[in-house]
Amino acid sequence: MDKGRFLKSGEQGYRAVIEKISMETLVHGDKTLMAEFRLEAGAELPQHDHPHEQTGYLVSGRMDLIVGGETWALEPGDSWCIAGGVPHRAVVYEDSVAIEVFSPVREDYLH
């Protein structure tokens, strides 16, 4: 029986997603994947969608998350959940760190 997976901080390493945005896959199980994103001030995540539900928490920084055409101004401590298939994008105003969980597991985020 699988009892789970455990990783120490920094074991996976960061990789560029797009300019000014990098991510590290922290840990994953059979149904969820957790990742940390580092977003530099001035970064813009283009509009996209994917079949994965995406739940996040802003650890530090400030950014706008535009989901289905509605803008949410995020500050540290704010959280969100985006349903699969819903278009979304982000505009980053300060260096930021976000933790996000995806379900099902994003195969493209596995190392």
Protein backbone atom coordinates (compact mmCIF):
# COMPACT_ATOMS: atom_id res chain seq x y z
CA MET A 1 0.00 0.00 0.00
CA ASP A 2 1.34 3.44 -1.00
CA LYS A 3 1.55 5.59 2.15
CA GLY A 4 2.38 8.82 0.27
CA ARG A 5 5.29 10.82 -1.06
CA PHE A 6 7.52 13.26 0.76
CA LEU A 7 10.03 15.74 -0.66
CA LYS A 8 12.46 18.11 1.00
CA SER A 9 12.42 21.75 -0.16
CA GLY A 10 14.48 22.31 -3.30
CA GLU A 11 14.74 18.63 -4.29
CA GLN A 12 13.07 19.14 -7.67
CA GLY A 13 14.56 22.50 -8.69
CA TYR A 14 12.91 25.40 -10.51
CA ARG A 15 12.33 25.55 -14.23
CA ALA A 16 11.18 28.40 -16.46
CA VAL A 17 7.54 28.34 -17.48
CA ILE A 18 7.65 31.55 -19.50
CA GLU A 19 9.69 34.74 -19.20
CA LYS A 20 9.74 35.97 -15.57
CA ILE A 21 7.81 32.94 -14.27
CA SER A 22 9.40 29.77 -12.89
CA MET A 23 7.97 26.80 -11.05
CA GLU A 24 8.99 23.84 -8.97
CA THR A 25 6.83 20.75 -8.69
CA LEU A 26 6.77 20.14 -4.94
CA VAL A 27 5.00 16.81 -4.63
CA HIS A 28 2.26 14.81 -6.29
CA GLY A 29 0.08 11.84 -5.58
CA ASP A 30 -2.30 9.85 -7.72
CA LYS A 31 -4.91 12.64 -7.92
CA THR A 32 -3.21 15.97 -7.11
CA LEU A 33 0.00 17.85 -7.83
CA MET A 34 1.34 20.80 -5.80
CA ALA A 35 3.71 23.37 -7.29
CA GLU A 36 5.39 26.59 -6.21
CA PHE A 37 5.51 29.46 -8.68
CA ARG A 38 7.91 32.40 -8.52
CA LEU A 39 6.64 35.31 -10.55
CA GLU A 40 8.72 38.43 -11.17
CA ALA A 41 7.24 41.93 -11.19
CA GLY A 42 6.07 42.76 -14.72
CA ALA A 43 5.34 39.14 -15.66
CA GLU A 44 2.18 38.45 -17.65
CA LEU A 45 0.82 34.94 -17.87
CA PRO A 46 -1.10 34.78 -21.17
CA GLN A 47 -4.70 33.64 -21.21
CA HIS A 48 -4.97 29.87 -21.29
CA ASP A 49 -7.10 27.04 -20.02
CA HIS A 50 -6.58 23.40 -19.14
CA PRO A 51 -8.78 20.54 -17.94
CA HIS A 52 -7.27 20.64 -14.43
CA GLU A 53 -8.96 22.24 -11.44
CA GLN A 54 -6.46 24.75 -10.03
CA THR A 55 -6.47 25.83 -6.39
CA GLY A 56 -3.96 28.43 -5.26
CA TYR A 57 -2.66 30.55 -2.39
CA LEU A 58 -0.61 33.75 -2.73
CA VAL A 59 2.27 33.57 -0.26
CA SER A 60 3.80 36.95 -1.13
CA GLY A 61 3.57 39.74 -3.69
CA ARG A 62 0.68 41.33 -5.54
CA MET A 63 -0.99 40.35 -8.79
CA ASP A 64 -4.26 40.35 -10.71
CA LEU A 65 -5.84 37.05 -11.67
CA ILE A 66 -8.31 37.38 -14.53
CA VAL A 67 -10.68 34.41 -14.59
CA GLY A 68 -13.46 34.10 -17.13
CA GLY A 69 -13.19 37.85 -17.79
CA GLU A 70 -13.46 38.86 -14.10
CA THR A 71 -10.44 40.46 -12.39
CA TRP A 72 -9.38 39.55 -8.85
CA ALA A 73 -6.73 41.74 -7.16
CA LEU A 74 -4.67 39.32 -5.06
CA GLU A 75 -2.55 40.10 -2.00
CA PRO A 76 -0.66 37.76 0.37
CA GLY A 77 -3.03 35.34 2.07
CA ASP A 78 -5.61 35.35 -0.75
CA SER A 79 -6.62 32.08 -2.36
CA TRP A 80 -8.55 30.89 -5.41
CA CYS A 81 -9.99 27.89 -7.16
CA ILE A 82 -10.39 27.84 -10.95
CA ALA A 83 -12.54 25.15 -12.53
CA GLY A 84 -11.06 23.11 -15.35
CA GLY A 85 -11.64 24.54 -18.81
CA VAL A 86 -12.10 28.17 -17.64
CA PRO A 87 -9.86 30.72 -19.43
CA HIS A 88 -7.56 32.64 -17.07
CA ARG A 89 -4.47 34.85 -17.09
CA ALA A 90 -2.38 36.85 -14.61
CA VAL A 91 -0.60 40.20 -14.38
CA VAL A 92 2.13 40.43 -11.73
CA TYR A 93 2.85 43.79 -10.04
CA GLU A 94 5.40 42.73 -7.40
CA ASP A 95 7.74 39.76 -7.12
CA SER A 96 5.36 37.03 -5.96
CA VAL A 97 5.27 33.45 -4.71
CA ALA A 98 2.17 31.29 -5.21
CA ILE A 99 1.44 27.70 -4.23
CA GLU A 100 -1.00 25.84 -6.48
CA VAL A 101 -2.60 22.41 -6.46
CA PHE A 102 -3.84 20.80 -9.67
CA SER A 103 -6.28 17.93 -10.05
CA PRO A 104 -5.90 15.66 -11.86
CA VAL A 105 -2.10 15.57 -11.87
CA ARG A 106 -0.56 17.72 -14.60
CA GLU A 107 1.67 15.31 -16.46
CA ASP A 108 3.51 18.26 -18.05
CA TYR A 109 4.66 19.37 -14.56
CA LEU A 110 6.26 16.04 -13.66
CA HIS A 111 10.06 15.96 -13.86
